[in-house]
Amino acid sequence: FPSHDRIESNNFRYHHFVLYAGDIAKEFQDILPTRLANIPSTIVRGKNDSLIKEDRIKTLINLYQNTPHEYIEFEGGHEVTTEMVKLIINKINN
Protein backbone atom coordinates (compact mmCIF):
# COMPACT_ATOMS: atom_id res chain seq x y z
CA PHE A 1 0.00 0.00 0.00
CA PRO A 2 1.45 3.44 -0.90
CA SER A 3 2.83 5.62 1.87
CA HIS A 4 0.94 8.68 3.20
CA ASP A 5 3.16 11.14 1.28
CA ARG A 6 2.87 9.13 -1.91
CA ILE A 7 -0.93 9.01 -1.71
CA GLU A 8 -1.12 12.77 -1.20
CA SER A 9 1.46 13.74 -3.82
CA ASN A 10 0.79 11.52 -6.83
CA ASN A 11 -1.73 12.12 -9.59
CA PHE A 12 -3.40 8.73 -9.32
CA ARG A 13 -7.19 9.08 -8.97
CA TYR A 14 -8.73 7.00 -6.22
CA HIS A 15 -12.39 6.13 -6.76
CA HIS A 16 -13.06 3.58 -4.05
CA PHE A 17 -10.98 1.97 -1.32
CA VAL A 18 -11.67 -1.65 -0.32
CA LEU A 19 -10.14 -3.14 2.80
CA TYR A 20 -10.90 -6.85 2.47
CA ALA A 21 -9.86 -9.19 5.31
CA GLY A 22 -7.01 -6.88 6.12
CA ASP A 23 -5.72 -4.00 8.15
CA ILE A 24 -4.75 -0.48 7.26
CA ALA A 25 -1.09 0.52 7.11
CA LYS A 26 0.42 1.66 10.43
CA GLU A 27 1.03 5.20 9.22
CA PHE A 28 -2.73 5.62 8.63
CA GLN A 29 -3.97 4.27 11.95
CA ASP A 30 -4.25 7.65 13.68
CA ILE A 31 -5.45 9.80 10.81
CA LEU A 32 -6.42 8.93 7.26
CA PRO A 33 -4.76 10.80 4.40
CA THR A 34 -7.14 13.41 2.99
CA ARG A 35 -7.44 11.55 -0.30
CA LEU A 36 -8.59 8.36 1.43
CA ALA A 37 -10.88 10.19 3.86
CA ASN A 38 -12.81 11.72 0.96
CA ILE A 39 -13.51 8.66 -1.18
CA PRO A 40 -16.04 5.91 -0.54
CA SER A 41 -14.56 2.94 1.30
CA THR A 42 -15.71 -0.59 1.98
CA ILE A 43 -14.42 -2.62 4.91
CA VAL A 44 -15.02 -6.38 4.58
CA ARG A 45 -14.45 -9.05 7.22
CA GLY A 46 -15.46 -12.67 7.71
CA LYS A 47 -17.36 -13.27 10.96
CA ASN A 48 -14.95 -16.09 11.81
CA ASP A 49 -11.73 -14.33 10.74
CA SER A 50 -9.05 -15.57 13.12
CA LEU A 51 -6.50 -12.95 11.98
CA ILE A 52 -8.57 -9.75 11.95
CA LYS A 53 -10.39 -9.72 15.27
CA GLU A 54 -13.69 -7.94 15.88
CA ASP A 55 -12.08 -5.36 18.21
CA ARG A 56 -9.62 -4.41 15.45
CA ILE A 57 -12.49 -3.87 13.02
CA LYS A 58 -14.25 -1.66 15.58
CA THR A 59 -11.09 0.48 15.76
CA LEU A 60 -11.00 0.75 11.95
CA ILE A 61 -14.67 1.69 11.79
CA ASN A 62 -14.02 4.42 14.37
CA LEU A 63 -11.17 5.69 12.19
CA TYR A 64 -13.58 5.82 9.24
CA GLN A 65 -16.54 7.24 11.20
CA ASN A 66 -16.45 10.64 9.44
CA THR A 67 -15.88 9.21 5.98
CA PRO A 68 -18.20 7.69 3.37
CA HIS A 69 -17.79 4.02 4.23
CA GLU A 70 -19.66 0.75 4.45
CA TYR A 71 -18.87 -2.25 6.63
CA ILE A 72 -19.75 -5.70 5.27
CA GLU A 73 -19.45 -8.85 7.34
CA PHE A 74 -19.83 -12.26 5.72
CA GLU A 75 -20.14 -15.85 6.91
CA GLY A 76 -16.63 -17.22 6.75
CA GLY A 77 -13.10 -16.63 7.89
CA HIS A 78 -9.98 -14.98 6.53
CA GLU A 79 -10.57 -15.73 2.87
CA VAL A 80 -11.57 -13.94 -0.29
CA THR A 81 -14.70 -15.43 -1.79
CA THR A 82 -15.97 -15.02 -5.32
CA GLU A 83 -19.43 -14.15 -3.99
CA MET A 84 -18.09 -11.28 -1.85
CA VAL A 85 -15.91 -9.91 -4.65
CA LYS A 86 -18.93 -9.88 -6.96
CA LEU A 87 -21.05 -8.17 -4.26
CA ILE A 88 -18.41 -5.48 -3.70
CA ILE A 89 -17.97 -4.83 -7.42
CA ASN A 90 -21.73 -4.58 -7.81
CA LYS A 91 -21.99 -2.09 -4.92
CA ILE A 92 -19.13 0.02 -6.28
CA ASN A 93 -20.61 0.13 -9.77
CA ASN A 94 -24.12 1.09 -8.61
C-alpha atoms as a PDB file:
ATOM      1  CA  PHE A   1       0.000   0.000   0.000  1.00  0.00           C
ATOM      2  CA  PRO A   2       1.454   3.437  -0.903  1.00  0.00           C
ATOM      3  CA  SER A   3       2.827   5.620   1.870  1.00  0.00           C
ATOM      4  CA  HIS A   4       0.937   8.676   3.201  1.00  0.00           C
ATOM      5  CA  ASP A   5       3.160  11.140   1.275  1.00  0.00           C
ATOM      6  CA  ARG A   6       2.868   9.128  -1.907  1.00  0.00           C
ATOM      7  CA  ILE A   7      -0.927   9.006  -1.711  1.00  0.00           C
ATOM      8  CA  GLU A   8      -1.125  12.772  -1.201  1.00  0.00           C
ATOM      9  CA  SER A   9       1.457  13.737  -3.821  1.00  0.00           C
ATOM     10  CA  ASN A  10       0.786  11.518  -6.832  1.00  0.00           C
ATOM     11  CA  ASN A  11      -1.733  12.119  -9.592  1.00  0.00           C
ATOM     12  CA  PHE A  12      -3.400   8.731  -9.316  1.00  0.00           C
ATOM     13  CA  ARG A  13      -7.186   9.085  -8.972  1.00  0.00           C
ATOM     14  CA  TYR A  14      -8.729   7.003  -6.217  1.00  0.00           C
ATOM     15  CA  HIS A  15     -12.392   6.131  -6.764  1.00  0.00           C
ATOM     16  CA  HIS A  16     -13.064   3.578  -4.054  1.00  0.00           C
ATOM     17  CA  PHE A  17     -10.985   1.974  -1.320  1.00  0.00           C
ATOM     18  CA  VAL A  18     -11.667  -1.646  -0.324  1.00  0.00           C
ATOM     19  CA  LEU A  19     -10.141  -3.138   2.802  1.00  0.00           C
ATOM     20  CA  TYR A  20     -10.898  -6.848   2.468  1.00  0.00           C
ATOM     21  CA  ALA A  21      -9.862  -9.191   5.310  1.00  0.00           C
ATOM     22  CA  GLY A  22      -7.008  -6.883   6.118  1.00  0.00           C
ATOM     23  CA  ASP A  23      -5.723  -3.997   8.154  1.00  0.00           C
ATOM     24  CA  ILE A  24      -4.753  -0.476   7.261  1.00  0.00           C
ATOM     25  CA  ALA A  25      -1.085   0.524   7.113  1.00  0.00           C
ATOM     26  CA  LYS A  26       0.421   1.655  10.434  1.00  0.00           C
ATOM     27  CA  GLU A  27       1.028   5.202   9.216  1.00  0.00           C
ATOM     28  CA  PHE A  28      -2.731   5.620   8.631  1.00  0.00           C
ATOM     29  CA  GLN A  29      -3.969   4.274  11.952  1.00  0.00           C
ATOM     30  CA  ASP A  30      -4.245   7.655  13.683  1.00  0.00           C
ATOM     31  CA  ILE A  31      -5.453   9.798  10.811  1.00  0.00           C
ATOM     32  CA  LEU A  32      -6.422   8.934   7.261  1.00  0.00           C
ATOM     33  CA  PRO A  33      -4.764  10.801   4.399  1.00  0.00           C
ATOM     34  CA  THR A  34      -7.144  13.405   2.989  1.00  0.00           C
ATOM     35  CA  ARG A  35      -7.439  11.553  -0.304  1.00  0.00           C
ATOM     36  CA  LEU A  36      -8.590   8.361   1.435  1.00  0.00           C
ATOM     37  CA  ALA A  37     -10.875  10.189   3.856  1.00  0.00           C
ATOM     38  CA  ASN A  38     -12.807  11.723   0.958  1.00  0.00           C
ATOM     39  CA  ILE A  39     -13.505   8.660  -1.176  1.00  0.00           C
ATOM     40  CA  PRO A  40     -16.040   5.909  -0.539  1.00  0.00           C
ATOM     41  CA  SER A  41     -14.556   2.940   1.298  1.00  0.00           C
ATOM     42  CA  THR A  42     -15.707  -0.594   1.977  1.00  0.00           C
ATOM     43  CA  ILE A  43     -14.416  -2.623   4.913  1.00  0.00           C
ATOM     44  CA  VAL A  44     -15.021  -6.381   4.575  1.00  0.00           C
ATOM     45  CA  ARG A  45     -14.448  -9.052   7.222  1.00  0.00           C
ATOM     46  CA  GLY A  46     -15.462 -12.671   7.714  1.00  0.00           C
ATOM     47  CA  LYS A  47     -17.359 -13.268  10.963  1.00  0.00           C
ATOM     48  CA  ASN A  48     -14.945 -16.088  11.814  1.00  0.00           C
ATOM     49  CA  ASP A  49     -11.735 -14.333  10.743  1.00  0.00           C
ATOM     50  CA  SER A  50      -9.045 -15.568  13.122  1.00  0.00           C
ATOM     51  CA  LEU A  51      -6.501 -12.949  11.979  1.00  0.00           C
ATOM     52  CA  ILE A  52      -8.570  -9.753  11.953  1.00  0.00           C
ATOM     53  CA  LYS A  53     -10.389  -9.721  15.268  1.00  0.00           C
ATOM     54  CA  GLU A  54     -13.686  -7.938  15.881  1.00  0.00           C
ATOM     55  CA  ASP A  55     -12.084  -5.363  18.215  1.00  0.00           C
ATOM     56  CA  ARG A  56      -9.615  -4.407  15.452  1.00  0.00           C
ATOM     57  CA  ILE A  57     -12.486  -3.872  13.022  1.00  0.00           C
ATOM     58  CA  LYS A  58     -14.254  -1.656  15.579  1.00  0.00           C
ATOM     59  CA  THR A  59     -11.095   0.477  15.759  1.00  0.00           C
ATOM     60  CA  LEU A  60     -11.001   0.749  11.954  1.00  0.00           C
ATOM     61  CA  ILE A  61     -14.672   1.687  11.792  1.00  0.00           C
ATOM     62  CA  ASN A  62     -14.018   4.416  14.375  1.00  0.00           C
ATOM     63  CA  LEU A  63     -11.171   5.686  12.192  1.00  0.00           C
ATOM     64  CA  TYR A  64     -13.580   5.819   9.242  1.00  0.00           C
ATOM     65  CA  GLN A  65     -16.541   7.244  11.200  1.00  0.00           C
ATOM     66  CA  ASN A  66     -16.449  10.640   9.445  1.00  0.00           C
ATOM     67  CA  THR A  67     -15.885   9.212   5.984  1.00  0.00           C
ATOM     68  CA  PRO A  68     -18.196   7.691   3.374  1.00  0.00           C
ATOM     69  CA  HIS A  69     -17.789   4.017   4.226  1.00  0.00           C
ATOM     70  CA  GLU A  70     -19.660   0.755   4.454  1.00  0.00           C
ATOM     71  CA  TYR A  71     -18.866  -2.249   6.631  1.00  0.00           C
ATOM     72  CA  ILE A  72     -19.746  -5.702   5.274  1.00  0.00           C
ATOM     73  CA  GLU A  73     -19.445  -8.852   7.339  1.00  0.00           C
ATOM     74  CA  PHE A  74     -19.834 -12.256   5.719  1.00  0.00           C
ATOM     75  CA  GLU A  75     -20.140 -15.852   6.907  1.00  0.00           C
ATOM     76  CA  GLY A  76     -16.630 -17.223   6.754  1.00  0.00           C
ATOM     77  CA  GLY A  77     -13.100 -16.633   7.893  1.00  0.00           C
ATOM     78  CA  HIS A  78      -9.984 -14.980   6.530  1.00  0.00           C
ATOM     79  CA  GLU A  79     -10.572 -15.730   2.865  1.00  0.00           C
ATOM     80  CA  VAL A  80     -11.566 -13.941  -0.291  1.00  0.00           C
ATOM     81  CA  THR A  81     -14.697 -15.434  -1.792  1.00  0.00           C
ATOM     82  CA  THR A  82     -15.967 -15.016  -5.324  1.00  0.00           C
ATOM     83  CA  GLU A  83     -19.427 -14.146  -3.992  1.00  0.00           C
ATOM     84  CA  MET A  84     -18.089 -11.282  -1.849  1.00  0.00           C
ATOM     85  CA  VAL A  85     -15.914  -9.912  -4.651  1.00  0.00           C
ATOM     86  CA  LYS A  86     -18.934  -9.876  -6.958  1.00  0.00           C
ATOM     87  CA  LEU A  87     -21.051  -8.174  -4.259  1.00  0.00           C
ATOM     88  CA  ILE A  88     -18.409  -5.480  -3.703  1.00  0.00           C
ATOM     89  CA  ILE A  89     -17.970  -4.831  -7.424  1.00  0.00           C
ATOM     90  CA  ASN A  90     -21.734  -4.576  -7.814  1.00  0.00           C
ATOM     91  CA  LYS A  91     -21.991  -2.085  -4.918  1.00  0.00           C
ATOM     92  CA  ILE A  92     -19.132   0.025  -6.276  1.00  0.00           C
ATOM     93  CA  ASN A  93     -20.612   0.133  -9.771  1.00  0.00           C
ATOM     94  CA  ASN A  94     -24.122   1.095  -8.608  1.00  0.00           C
END
